[in-house]
N, C-alpha and C. Protein backbone atom coordinates (compact mmCIF):
# COMPACT_ATOMS: atom_id res chain seq x y z
N UNK A 1 3.97 2.58 -15.86
CA UNK A 1 2.24 2.46 -15.85
C UNK A 1 1.84 3.91 -15.66
N UNK A 2 1.97 4.77 -16.88
CA UNK A 2 1.42 6.24 -16.70
C UNK A 2 -0.03 6.20 -16.57
N UNK A 3 -0.83 7.09 -16.35
CA UNK A 3 -1.89 7.20 -16.64
C UNK A 3 -2.13 7.60 -17.83
N UNK A 4 -3.39 6.93 -18.76
CA UNK A 4 -3.79 6.86 -19.68
C UNK A 4 -4.78 7.69 -19.60
N UNK A 5 -4.82 8.82 -20.36
CA UNK A 5 -5.76 9.81 -20.58
C UNK A 5 -6.98 9.89 -21.35
N UNK A 6 -6.37 8.95 -22.70
CA UNK A 6 -7.23 8.79 -23.95
C UNK A 6 -8.07 7.48 -23.48
N UNK A 7 -7.73 6.89 -23.00
CA UNK A 7 -8.73 5.92 -22.55
C UNK A 7 -8.55 5.67 -20.79
N UNK A 8 -9.52 6.58 -20.02
CA UNK A 8 -10.00 6.54 -18.85
C UNK A 8 -10.11 5.28 -18.09
N UNK A 9 -11.26 4.69 -18.66
CA UNK A 9 -11.43 3.38 -18.07
C UNK A 9 -10.80 1.99 -18.57
N UNK A 10 -9.07 1.94 -18.79
CA UNK A 10 -8.85 1.00 -19.20
C UNK A 10 -8.35 -0.01 -18.07
N UNK A 11 -7.79 -1.34 -17.84
CA UNK A 11 -7.60 -1.88 -16.89
C UNK A 11 -6.31 -1.79 -16.18
N UNK A 12 -5.59 -0.96 -16.86
CA UNK A 12 -4.15 -0.12 -15.97
C UNK A 12 -4.76 1.12 -15.01
N UNK A 13 -5.61 1.75 -15.87
CA UNK A 13 -5.88 2.98 -15.15
C UNK A 13 -6.71 2.59 -13.90
N UNK A 14 -7.47 1.55 -13.93
CA UNK A 14 -8.32 1.11 -12.71
C UNK A 14 -7.39 0.82 -11.33
N UNK A 15 -6.74 -0.26 -12.04
CA UNK A 15 -6.06 -0.81 -10.98
C UNK A 15 -4.95 0.32 -10.69
N UNK A 16 -4.56 1.27 -10.97
CA UNK A 16 -3.75 1.98 -10.87
C UNK A 16 -4.72 3.08 -9.31
N UNK A 17 -5.66 3.24 -10.02
CA UNK A 17 -6.43 4.16 -8.99
C UNK A 17 -6.96 3.26 -8.02
N UNK A 18 -7.21 1.99 -8.27
CA UNK A 18 -7.79 1.35 -6.82
C UNK A 18 -6.35 0.96 -5.68
N UNK A 19 -5.32 0.90 -6.36
CA UNK A 19 -4.10 0.71 -5.37
C UNK A 19 -4.20 1.87 -4.90
N UNK A 20 -4.11 3.15 -5.49
CA UNK A 20 -4.22 4.10 -4.92
C UNK A 20 -4.84 4.60 -3.81
N UNK A 21 -6.25 4.27 -4.18
CA UNK A 21 -7.24 4.33 -2.98
C UNK A 21 -7.02 3.27 -1.95
N UNK A 22 -6.19 2.35 -2.23
CA UNK A 22 -6.05 1.31 -1.39
C UNK A 22 -4.82 2.32 -0.21
N UNK A 23 -3.71 2.27 -0.80
CA UNK A 23 -2.58 2.66 0.10
C UNK A 23 -3.15 4.46 0.94
N UNK A 24 -3.87 5.01 0.46
CA UNK A 24 -4.47 6.38 1.18
C UNK A 24 -5.33 5.87 1.97
N UNK A 25 -6.02 4.62 2.20
CA UNK A 25 -6.60 4.44 2.91
C UNK A 25 -5.77 3.80 3.97
N UNK A 26 -4.92 3.04 3.36
CA UNK A 26 -3.75 2.51 4.50
C UNK A 26 -3.11 3.58 5.50
N UNK A 27 -2.86 4.18 5.23
CA UNK A 27 -2.24 5.65 5.33
C UNK A 27 -3.45 6.56 6.52
N UNK A 28 -4.21 6.69 6.01
CA UNK A 28 -5.48 7.35 6.77
C UNK A 28 -5.44 6.17 8.20
N UNK A 29 -5.78 5.23 7.81
CA UNK A 29 -6.28 4.12 9.36
C UNK A 29 -5.04 4.34 10.07
N UNK A 30 -3.80 4.12 9.51
CA UNK A 30 -2.49 4.03 10.34
C UNK A 30 -2.55 5.50 11.17
N UNK A 31 -2.98 6.82 10.51
CA UNK A 31 -3.04 7.80 10.81
C UNK A 31 -3.66 7.96 12.54
N UNK A 32 -4.98 7.05 12.28
CA UNK A 32 -5.81 7.20 13.00
C UNK A 32 -6.01 6.03 14.18
N UNK A 33 -4.13 5.65 13.96
CA UNK A 33 -3.88 4.71 15.29
C UNK A 33 -4.57 3.33 15.07
N UNK A 34 -4.99 3.21 13.62
CA UNK A 34 -5.94 1.96 13.59
C UNK A 34 -4.75 0.92 13.18
N UNK A 35 -4.99 -0.45 13.78
CA UNK A 35 -3.98 -0.91 13.08
C UNK A 35 -3.99 -1.80 11.65
N UNK A 36 -5.44 -1.97 11.33
CA UNK A 36 -5.67 -2.36 10.07
C UNK A 36 -5.09 -1.73 8.87
N UNK A 37 -5.00 -0.19 9.07
CA UNK A 37 -3.70 0.25 8.32
C UNK A 37 -2.47 -0.51 7.44
N UNK A 38 -1.88 -0.51 8.72
CA UNK A 38 -0.79 -1.48 8.33
C UNK A 38 -0.69 -3.11 7.58
N UNK A 39 -2.01 -3.52 8.12
CA UNK A 39 -2.14 -4.87 7.58
C UNK A 39 -2.80 -4.37 6.01
N UNK A 40 -3.51 -3.63 6.04
CA UNK A 40 -4.12 -3.33 4.65
C UNK A 40 -3.00 -2.91 3.78
N UNK A 41 -1.87 -2.07 4.22
CA UNK A 41 -0.87 -1.74 3.41
C UNK A 41 0.08 -2.93 2.76
N UNK A 42 0.16 -3.60 3.81
CA UNK A 42 0.66 -5.31 3.50
C UNK A 42 0.30 -6.09 2.56
N UNK A 43 -1.76 -5.80 2.75
CA UNK A 43 -2.08 -6.81 1.44
C UNK A 43 -2.03 -6.10 0.24
N UNK A 44 -1.51 -4.29 0.34
CA UNK A 44 -1.28 -4.06 -0.91
C UNK A 44 0.09 -4.23 -1.89
N UNK A 45 0.64 -5.16 -0.95
CA UNK A 45 2.06 -5.63 -1.79
C UNK A 45 1.52 -6.60 -3.11
N UNK A 46 0.48 -7.12 -2.73
CA UNK A 46 0.46 -8.53 -3.81
C UNK A 46 -0.01 -7.68 -5.40
N UNK A 47 -0.97 -6.62 -5.06
CA UNK A 47 -1.16 -5.94 -6.71
C UNK A 47 -0.38 -5.06 -7.25
N UNK A 48 0.53 -4.28 -6.14
CA UNK A 48 1.77 -3.76 -6.58
C UNK A 48 2.23 -4.43 -7.25
N UNK A 49 3.01 -5.74 -6.56
CA UNK A 49 3.94 -6.76 -7.38
C UNK A 49 3.29 -7.47 -8.53
N UNK A 50 2.02 -7.77 -9.04
CA UNK A 50 1.51 -7.33 -10.23
C UNK A 50 1.75 -7.00 -11.20
N UNK A 51 1.52 -5.40 -10.93
CA UNK A 51 1.31 -4.32 -11.42
C UNK A 51 2.88 -4.13 -12.18
N UNK A 52 3.78 -4.03 -10.93
CA UNK A 52 5.04 -3.89 -11.45
C UNK A 52 5.79 -5.26 -12.37
N UNK A 53 5.44 -6.21 -12.10
CA UNK A 53 6.09 -7.35 -13.23
C UNK A 53 5.33 -7.13 -14.57
N UNK A 54 3.74 -7.11 -14.76
CA UNK A 54 3.12 -6.99 -15.72
C UNK A 54 3.37 -5.85 -16.75
N UNK A 55 3.78 -4.31 -15.60
CA UNK A 55 4.08 -3.28 -17.02
C UNK A 55 5.96 -3.04 -16.55
N UNK A 56 6.24 -3.93 -16.28
CA UNK A 56 7.78 -4.08 -16.28
C UNK A 56 8.44 -2.75 -15.89
N UNK A 57 7.89 -2.19 -14.45
CA UNK A 57 8.32 -0.97 -13.67
C UNK A 57 8.89 -1.47 -12.36
N UNK A 58 9.94 -2.06 -12.96
CA UNK A 58 10.98 -2.71 -11.90
C UNK A 58 11.45 -1.66 -10.75
N UNK A 59 11.30 -0.08 -11.22
CA UNK A 59 12.18 0.67 -10.41
C UNK A 59 11.36 0.88 -8.87
N UNK A 60 9.93 0.09 -9.23
CA UNK A 60 9.12 0.48 -8.04
C UNK A 60 9.34 -0.63 -7.00
N UNK A 61 10.00 -2.16 -7.51
CA UNK A 61 10.83 -2.76 -6.12
C UNK A 61 11.38 -2.05 -4.97
N UNK A 62 12.40 -1.04 -5.00
CA UNK A 62 12.70 -0.52 -3.53
C UNK A 62 11.57 0.36 -2.80
N UNK A 63 10.72 0.78 -3.72
CA UNK A 63 9.38 1.44 -2.70
C UNK A 63 8.60 -0.28 -2.52
N UNK A 64 8.26 -1.06 -3.12
CA UNK A 64 7.46 -1.99 -2.61
C UNK A 64 7.97 -3.05 -1.33
N UNK A 65 9.41 -2.97 -1.80
CA UNK A 65 10.23 -3.59 -0.32
C UNK A 65 10.19 -2.59 0.91
N UNK A 66 10.36 -1.30 0.53
CA UNK A 66 10.45 -0.34 1.61
C UNK A 66 9.72 -0.30 2.53
N UNK A 67 8.54 -0.26 2.11
CA UNK A 67 7.04 -0.20 2.31
C UNK A 67 6.94 -1.47 3.22
N UNK A 68 7.31 -2.48 2.74
CA UNK A 68 6.71 -4.02 3.60
C UNK A 68 7.43 -3.88 4.69
N UNK A 69 8.98 -3.38 4.65
CA UNK A 69 9.36 -3.28 6.04
C UNK A 69 8.84 -2.17 7.26
N UNK A 70 8.60 -1.31 6.47
CA UNK A 70 7.86 -0.10 7.42
C UNK A 70 6.40 -1.06 7.96
N UNK A 71 6.03 -1.18 6.99
CA UNK A 71 4.65 -1.90 7.90
C UNK A 71 4.74 -2.80 8.72
N UNK A 72 5.53 -3.60 8.75
CA UNK A 72 5.95 -4.83 9.51
C UNK A 72 6.48 -4.57 10.80
N UNK A 73 7.30 -3.43 10.44
CA UNK A 73 8.28 -2.84 11.64
C UNK A 73 7.14 -2.17 13.13
N UNK A 74 6.06 -1.36 11.75
CA UNK A 74 5.19 -0.56 12.72
C UNK A 74 4.23 -1.44 13.32
N UNK A 75 3.86 -2.48 12.76
CA UNK A 75 3.29 -3.23 13.32
C UNK A 75 3.62 -4.16 14.65
N UNK A 76 4.73 -4.51 14.62
CA UNK A 76 5.36 -5.47 15.82
C UNK A 76 5.68 -4.19 16.72
N UNK A 77 5.97 -2.95 16.23
CA UNK A 77 6.45 -1.88 17.49
C UNK A 77 4.94 -1.50 18.20
N UNK A 78 3.89 -1.39 17.15
CA UNK A 78 2.62 -0.95 17.95
C UNK A 78 2.23 -2.27 18.51
N UNK A 79 2.44 -3.60 18.97
CA UNK A 79 1.76 -4.98 19.15
C UNK A 79 2.98 -4.61 20.57
N UNK A 80 4.05 -4.17 20.78
CA UNK A 80 4.71 -4.06 22.06
C UNK A 80 4.20 -2.90 22.93
N UNK A 81 3.51 -1.99 22.31
CA UNK A 81 3.28 -0.56 23.08
C UNK A 81 1.86 -1.62 24.20
N UNK A 82 2.14 -0.63 25.17
CA UNK A 82 0.78 -1.05 26.47
C UNK A 82 -0.19 -0.21 26.01
N UNK A 83 -1.41 -0.85 26.06
CA UNK A 83 -2.59 0.14 25.85
C UNK A 83 -2.79 1.09 26.85
N UNK A 84 -2.95 2.39 26.83
CA UNK A 84 -3.34 3.54 27.69
C UNK A 84 -4.72 3.31 28.24
N UNK A 85 -4.67 3.13 29.67
CA UNK A 85 -5.65 2.66 30.59
C UNK A 85 -6.49 3.95 31.15
N UNK A 86 -6.42 5.00 30.24
CA UNK A 86 -7.24 6.16 31.09
C UNK A 86 -9.00 6.05 30.71
């Protein structure tokens, strides 16, 4: 799924833009120590898998699996931390 500059408002371009915003938002939230970032990242796997299969971009599979492992790991790790009582 490359970005189609000849048809900017195509469905694949809209999907790529939406998924990009979703992933950037997830990282932004996680960087602000907001657990919702990790959950948003996990939720993003569903549309990424759809795009991967429909566009036959199976090279994205290691990335999608790797990100899910990291997201789940971080949720578990953050859940074990004791909140700072300052």
